[in-house]
Amino acid sequence: MSGGEAEKPVAEMSFEEAMAALEAVVDRLESGSVPLEDSIALYERGAELRRHCEDKLRAAEEKIARITFGPDGKPSGTEPVDPG
């Protein structure tokens, strides 16, 4: 992939950076103007970006707490969201 500037490692990207980079990869692949070898490299980077975004979302979900209610219908505490 040529671009002149070094690409930021995926592991160092925020969710928003990774989503923007993934959108750019998809746009380039959909344009049909990328040589085959570059397309393969773009596809691999896109897969890595997708996994990174999924991991970031999963981590965020694990931090969210669901309010639990007691028998009287009043909030009684919190419990982790089921990751599934």
C-alpha atoms as a PDB file:
ATOM      1  CA  MET A   1       0.000   0.000   0.000  1.00  0.00           C
ATOM      2  CA  SER A   2       1.522   3.232  -0.999  1.00  0.00           C
ATOM      3  CA  GLY A   3       0.583   6.419   0.724  1.00  0.00           C
ATOM      4  CA  GLY A   4       3.850   8.070   1.566  1.00  0.00           C
ATOM      5  CA  GLU A   5       3.147   8.275   5.268  1.00  0.00           C
ATOM      6  CA  ALA A   6       3.622   5.463   7.751  1.00  0.00           C
ATOM      7  CA  GLU A   7       0.370   3.966   8.981  1.00  0.00           C
ATOM      8  CA  LYS A   8      -0.332   4.048  12.688  1.00  0.00           C
ATOM      9  CA  PRO A   9      -0.272   0.583  14.249  1.00  0.00           C
ATOM     10  CA  VAL A  10      -3.826  -0.670  14.744  1.00  0.00           C
ATOM     11  CA  ALA A  11      -3.198  -1.565  18.396  1.00  0.00           C
ATOM     12  CA  GLU A  12      -2.457   2.108  19.128  1.00  0.00           C
ATOM     13  CA  MET A  13      -5.682   3.405  17.538  1.00  0.00           C
ATOM     14  CA  SER A  14      -8.755   4.590  19.357  1.00  0.00           C
ATOM     15  CA  PHE A  15     -12.083   3.114  18.304  1.00  0.00           C
ATOM     16  CA  GLU A  16     -12.858   6.247  16.272  1.00  0.00           C
ATOM     17  CA  GLU A  17      -9.483   6.187  14.500  1.00  0.00           C
ATOM     18  CA  ALA A  18      -9.878   2.505  13.660  1.00  0.00           C
ATOM     19  CA  MET A  19     -13.410   3.023  12.301  1.00  0.00           C
ATOM     20  CA  ALA A  20     -12.237   5.926  10.108  1.00  0.00           C
ATOM     21  CA  ALA A  21      -9.310   3.855   8.842  1.00  0.00           C
ATOM     22  CA  LEU A  22     -11.634   0.905   8.155  1.00  0.00           C
ATOM     23  CA  GLU A  23     -13.984   3.152   6.185  1.00  0.00           C
ATOM     24  CA  ALA A  24     -11.021   4.412   4.142  1.00  0.00           C
ATOM     25  CA  VAL A  25      -9.940   0.825   3.424  1.00  0.00           C
ATOM     26  CA  VAL A  26     -13.447  -0.095   2.272  1.00  0.00           C
ATOM     27  CA  ASP A  27     -13.653   3.009   0.061  1.00  0.00           C
ATOM     28  CA  ARG A  28     -10.328   2.169  -1.590  1.00  0.00           C
ATOM     29  CA  LEU A  29     -11.283  -1.455  -2.146  1.00  0.00           C
ATOM     30  CA  GLU A  30     -14.680  -0.499  -3.564  1.00  0.00           C
ATOM     31  CA  SER A  31     -13.103   1.997  -5.962  1.00  0.00           C
ATOM     32  CA  GLY A  32     -11.670  -0.888  -7.962  1.00  0.00           C
ATOM     33  CA  SER A  33      -8.567   1.115  -8.810  1.00  0.00           C
ATOM     34  CA  VAL A  34      -6.212  -0.637  -6.384  1.00  0.00           C
ATOM     35  CA  PRO A  35      -3.747  -3.206  -7.793  1.00  0.00           C
ATOM     36  CA  LEU A  36      -4.304  -6.801  -6.655  1.00  0.00           C
ATOM     37  CA  GLU A  37      -1.306  -6.967  -4.292  1.00  0.00           C
ATOM     38  CA  ASP A  38      -2.355  -3.692  -2.651  1.00  0.00           C
ATOM     39  CA  SER A  39      -5.942  -4.984  -2.414  1.00  0.00           C
ATOM     40  CA  ILE A  40      -4.745  -8.030  -0.493  1.00  0.00           C
ATOM     41  CA  ALA A  41      -2.765  -5.863   1.924  1.00  0.00           C
ATOM     42  CA  LEU A  42      -5.750  -3.514   2.321  1.00  0.00           C
ATOM     43  CA  TYR A  43      -8.054  -6.447   2.997  1.00  0.00           C
ATOM     44  CA  GLU A  44      -5.687  -7.779   5.681  1.00  0.00           C
ATOM     45  CA  ARG A  45      -5.463  -4.344   7.324  1.00  0.00           C
ATOM     46  CA  GLY A  46      -9.249  -4.043   7.163  1.00  0.00           C
ATOM     47  CA  ALA A  47      -9.653  -7.387   8.918  1.00  0.00           C
ATOM     48  CA  GLU A  48      -7.224  -6.267  11.631  1.00  0.00           C
ATOM     49  CA  LEU A  49      -9.085  -2.960  12.025  1.00  0.00           C
ATOM     50  CA  ARG A  50     -12.434  -4.790  12.280  1.00  0.00           C
ATOM     51  CA  ARG A  51     -11.094  -7.090  15.025  1.00  0.00           C
ATOM     52  CA  HIS A  52      -9.694  -4.079  16.883  1.00  0.00           C
ATOM     53  CA  CYS A  53     -13.064  -2.290  16.731  1.00  0.00           C
ATOM     54  CA  GLU A  54     -14.874  -5.409  17.963  1.00  0.00           C
ATOM     55  CA  ASP A  55     -12.417  -5.736  20.852  1.00  0.00           C
ATOM     56  CA  LYS A  56     -12.890  -2.072  21.787  1.00  0.00           C
ATOM     57  CA  LEU A  57     -16.687  -2.470  21.724  1.00  0.00           C
ATOM     58  CA  ARG A  58     -16.522  -5.653  23.806  1.00  0.00           C
ATOM     59  CA  ALA A  59     -14.331  -3.880  26.391  1.00  0.00           C
ATOM     60  CA  ALA A  60     -16.798  -0.989  26.552  1.00  0.00           C
ATOM     61  CA  GLU A  61     -19.729  -3.385  27.017  1.00  0.00           C
ATOM     62  CA  GLU A  62     -17.935  -5.074  29.897  1.00  0.00           C
ATOM     63  CA  LYS A  63     -17.636  -1.710  31.650  1.00  0.00           C
ATOM     64  CA  ILE A  64     -21.338  -0.982  31.391  1.00  0.00           C
ATOM     65  CA  ALA A  65     -23.385  -2.045  34.392  1.00  0.00           C
ATOM     66  CA  ARG A  66     -27.018  -3.077  34.346  1.00  0.00           C
ATOM     67  CA  ILE A  67     -29.194  -1.857  37.199  1.00  0.00           C
ATOM     68  CA  THR A  68     -30.824  -4.690  39.128  1.00  0.00           C
ATOM     69  CA  PHE A  69     -34.164  -4.368  40.859  1.00  0.00           C
ATOM     70  CA  GLY A  70     -35.280  -5.913  44.115  1.00  0.00           C
ATOM     71  CA  PRO A  71     -38.622  -7.660  44.728  1.00  0.00           C
ATOM     72  CA  ASP A  72     -40.188  -4.297  45.547  1.00  0.00           C
ATOM     73  CA  GLY A  73     -39.250  -2.945  42.083  1.00  0.00           C
ATOM     74  CA  LYS A  74     -36.702  -0.507  43.462  1.00  0.00           C
ATOM     75  CA  PRO A  75     -33.079  -0.425  42.227  1.00  0.00           C
ATOM     76  CA  SER A  76     -30.920  -2.615  44.452  1.00  0.00           C
ATOM     77  CA  GLY A  77     -27.529  -2.522  42.792  1.00  0.00           C
ATOM     78  CA  THR A  78     -25.710  -3.235  39.570  1.00  0.00           C
ATOM     79  CA  GLU A  79     -24.358  -6.280  37.806  1.00  0.00           C
ATOM     80  CA  PRO A  80     -22.137  -6.633  34.722  1.00  0.00           C
ATOM     81  CA  VAL A  81     -23.784  -6.899  31.341  1.00  0.00           C
ATOM     82  CA  ASP A  82     -23.694 -10.404  29.870  1.00  0.00           C
ATOM     83  CA  PRO A  83     -21.162 -10.301  26.995  1.00  0.00           C
ATOM     84  CA  GLY A  84     -23.142 -12.399  24.613  1.00  0.00           C
END
